[in-house]
Structure formats: structure tokens, C-alpha cells
Amino acid sequence: MIIKKAEPASGTVRVTFSLPKDEPAEPVWVVGDFNDWTESANQLQARSNGRRSAAVSVPVGARVVFRYRTASGHWFDDDGADTYEANPHGSHNAVVFT
């Protein structure tokens, strides 16, 4: 699940990436152009609502390219992305427009 919330005072949009707490049953990071594809930068944290999430703020009108990565190195996408595009690794990346 992806939630976008405008932050008018700062001219940004807060993008929250959210997954079920135990699916997959290992730590997960959201990795993308917003963190220079740094695999350890944005780990999803458990929340009281039974999910886990991480949020980033990006400029209004940004195009956010990302994927999820598990602790075991498995990469996967979010079904809630706005679109998908091919990447140079032979698979694809998820894209969200703010």
C-alpha cells in the first residue's frame, strides 16, 4: 500500500510505503531514487495497526522510482504503484507520481 499526503507548507509530498507486518516474514527496506538506491536506508518499521511502513518526503510533482528488498536479498514491487518500468537488471521498478 502506498499513501501520498501533500505537505503544502514545505512544497513536498509525504509518501508512505506500507506492507503487512509479517509478509514477507523478514526485514524489508524500501529502496529507490529518493535514497540513491541505498539498500539499508529506509527499513519498514512495525506499527500498531498490524502493518510496517517507512515514509519519505519528496517534492510535489516528483516521479519516485523504487522497489522493496528483503534481508535475504529478494527484490519485489508494490501492487499499489502508479506504473512500472524496465530496469537494467532484467526486471522492472515501481513508479509513483506525486
Protein backbone atom coordinates (compact mmCIF):
# COMPACT_ATOMS: atom_id res chain seq x y z
CA MET A 1 0.00 0.00 0.00
CA ILE A 2 1.27 3.46 -0.88
CA ILE A 3 -0.15 6.60 0.72
CA LYS A 4 0.61 10.08 -0.62
CA LYS A 5 -0.06 13.11 1.58
CA ALA A 6 0.62 16.67 0.44
CA GLU A 7 2.64 18.86 2.81
CA PRO A 8 1.77 22.32 1.40
CA ALA A 9 3.88 24.34 3.84
CA SER A 10 7.06 22.63 2.62
CA GLY A 11 6.06 22.04 -1.01
CA THR A 12 6.55 18.32 -0.58
CA VAL A 13 4.53 15.12 -0.58
CA ARG A 14 4.99 12.50 2.13
CA VAL A 15 4.99 9.06 0.50
CA THR A 16 4.39 6.20 2.93
CA PHE A 17 5.28 2.68 1.83
CA SER A 18 3.36 0.07 3.84
CA LEU A 19 3.27 -3.73 3.94
CA PRO A 20 1.59 -6.29 6.21
CA LYS A 21 3.64 -6.79 9.37
CA ASP A 22 4.69 -10.38 8.60
CA GLU A 23 4.54 -10.59 4.81
CA PRO A 24 7.26 -11.34 3.97
CA ALA A 25 8.39 -12.72 7.31
CA GLU A 26 11.76 -10.94 7.38
CA PRO A 27 13.02 -7.34 7.50
CA VAL A 28 12.20 -5.22 4.44
CA TRP A 29 13.64 -1.94 3.12
CA VAL A 30 12.21 0.43 0.54
CA VAL A 31 14.97 1.37 -1.87
CA GLY A 32 14.80 3.92 -4.64
CA ASP A 33 15.96 7.07 -6.32
CA PHE A 34 14.92 9.10 -3.23
CA ASN A 35 17.74 7.46 -1.22
CA ASP A 36 20.22 6.87 -4.08
CA TRP A 37 19.29 3.17 -4.04
CA THR A 38 20.94 2.75 -0.62
CA GLU A 39 19.71 -0.67 0.44
CA SER A 40 19.91 -0.05 4.20
CA ALA A 41 18.50 3.49 4.36
CA ASN A 42 14.73 3.06 4.83
CA GLN A 43 13.72 -0.07 6.74
CA LEU A 44 9.99 -0.57 7.20
CA GLN A 45 9.13 -0.39 10.91
CA ALA A 46 6.32 -2.25 12.69
CA ARG A 47 3.26 -0.11 13.51
CA SER A 48 0.42 -0.64 15.96
CA ASN A 49 -2.07 -1.12 13.10
CA GLY A 50 -0.60 -4.51 12.15
CA ARG A 51 1.47 -3.13 9.28
CA ARG A 52 5.00 -1.87 8.85
CA SER A 53 5.97 1.24 6.98
CA ALA A 54 8.57 3.81 6.05
CA ALA A 55 7.93 7.33 4.74
CA VAL A 56 9.91 9.78 2.66
CA SER A 57 9.20 13.37 1.65
CA VAL A 58 9.72 14.31 -1.99
CA PRO A 59 8.98 17.46 -4.00
CA VAL A 60 5.47 17.96 -5.34
CA GLY A 61 5.36 16.59 -8.88
CA ALA A 62 8.20 14.13 -8.29
CA ARG A 63 8.47 10.80 -10.03
CA VAL A 64 9.56 8.25 -7.41
CA VAL A 65 11.18 5.02 -8.64
CA PHE A 66 11.54 2.23 -6.06
CA ARG A 67 11.47 -1.44 -5.08
CA TYR A 68 11.38 -3.39 -1.84
CA ARG A 69 14.32 -5.55 -0.72
CA THR A 70 14.23 -8.23 1.97
CA ALA A 71 17.05 -9.13 4.34
CA SER A 72 17.72 -12.24 2.24
CA GLY A 73 18.18 -10.11 -0.89
CA HIS A 74 14.82 -10.73 -2.61
CA TRP A 75 13.54 -7.70 -4.57
CA PHE A 76 9.81 -7.14 -5.15
CA ASP A 77 7.30 -4.45 -6.11
CA ASP A 78 4.22 -2.86 -4.60
CA ASP A 79 0.91 -3.58 -6.35
CA GLY A 80 -0.15 -0.02 -5.46
CA ALA A 81 2.43 1.66 -7.71
CA ASP A 82 1.18 4.03 -10.39
CA THR A 83 3.17 2.23 -13.09
CA TYR A 84 6.23 0.05 -13.68
CA GLU A 85 9.27 0.43 -15.92
CA ALA A 86 12.06 -1.84 -17.09
CA ASN A 87 15.35 -1.59 -15.22
CA PRO A 88 18.89 -2.52 -16.34
CA HIS A 89 18.82 -5.69 -14.19
CA GLY A 90 16.35 -7.53 -16.40
CA SER A 91 13.29 -6.87 -14.26
CA HIS A 92 11.31 -3.72 -13.50
CA ASN A 93 10.91 -0.94 -10.95
CA ALA A 94 7.76 0.51 -9.44
CA VAL A 95 6.98 4.18 -10.08
CA VAL A 96 4.81 6.59 -8.07
CA PHE A 97 3.89 10.10 -9.20
CA THR A 98 3.36 12.81 -6.62
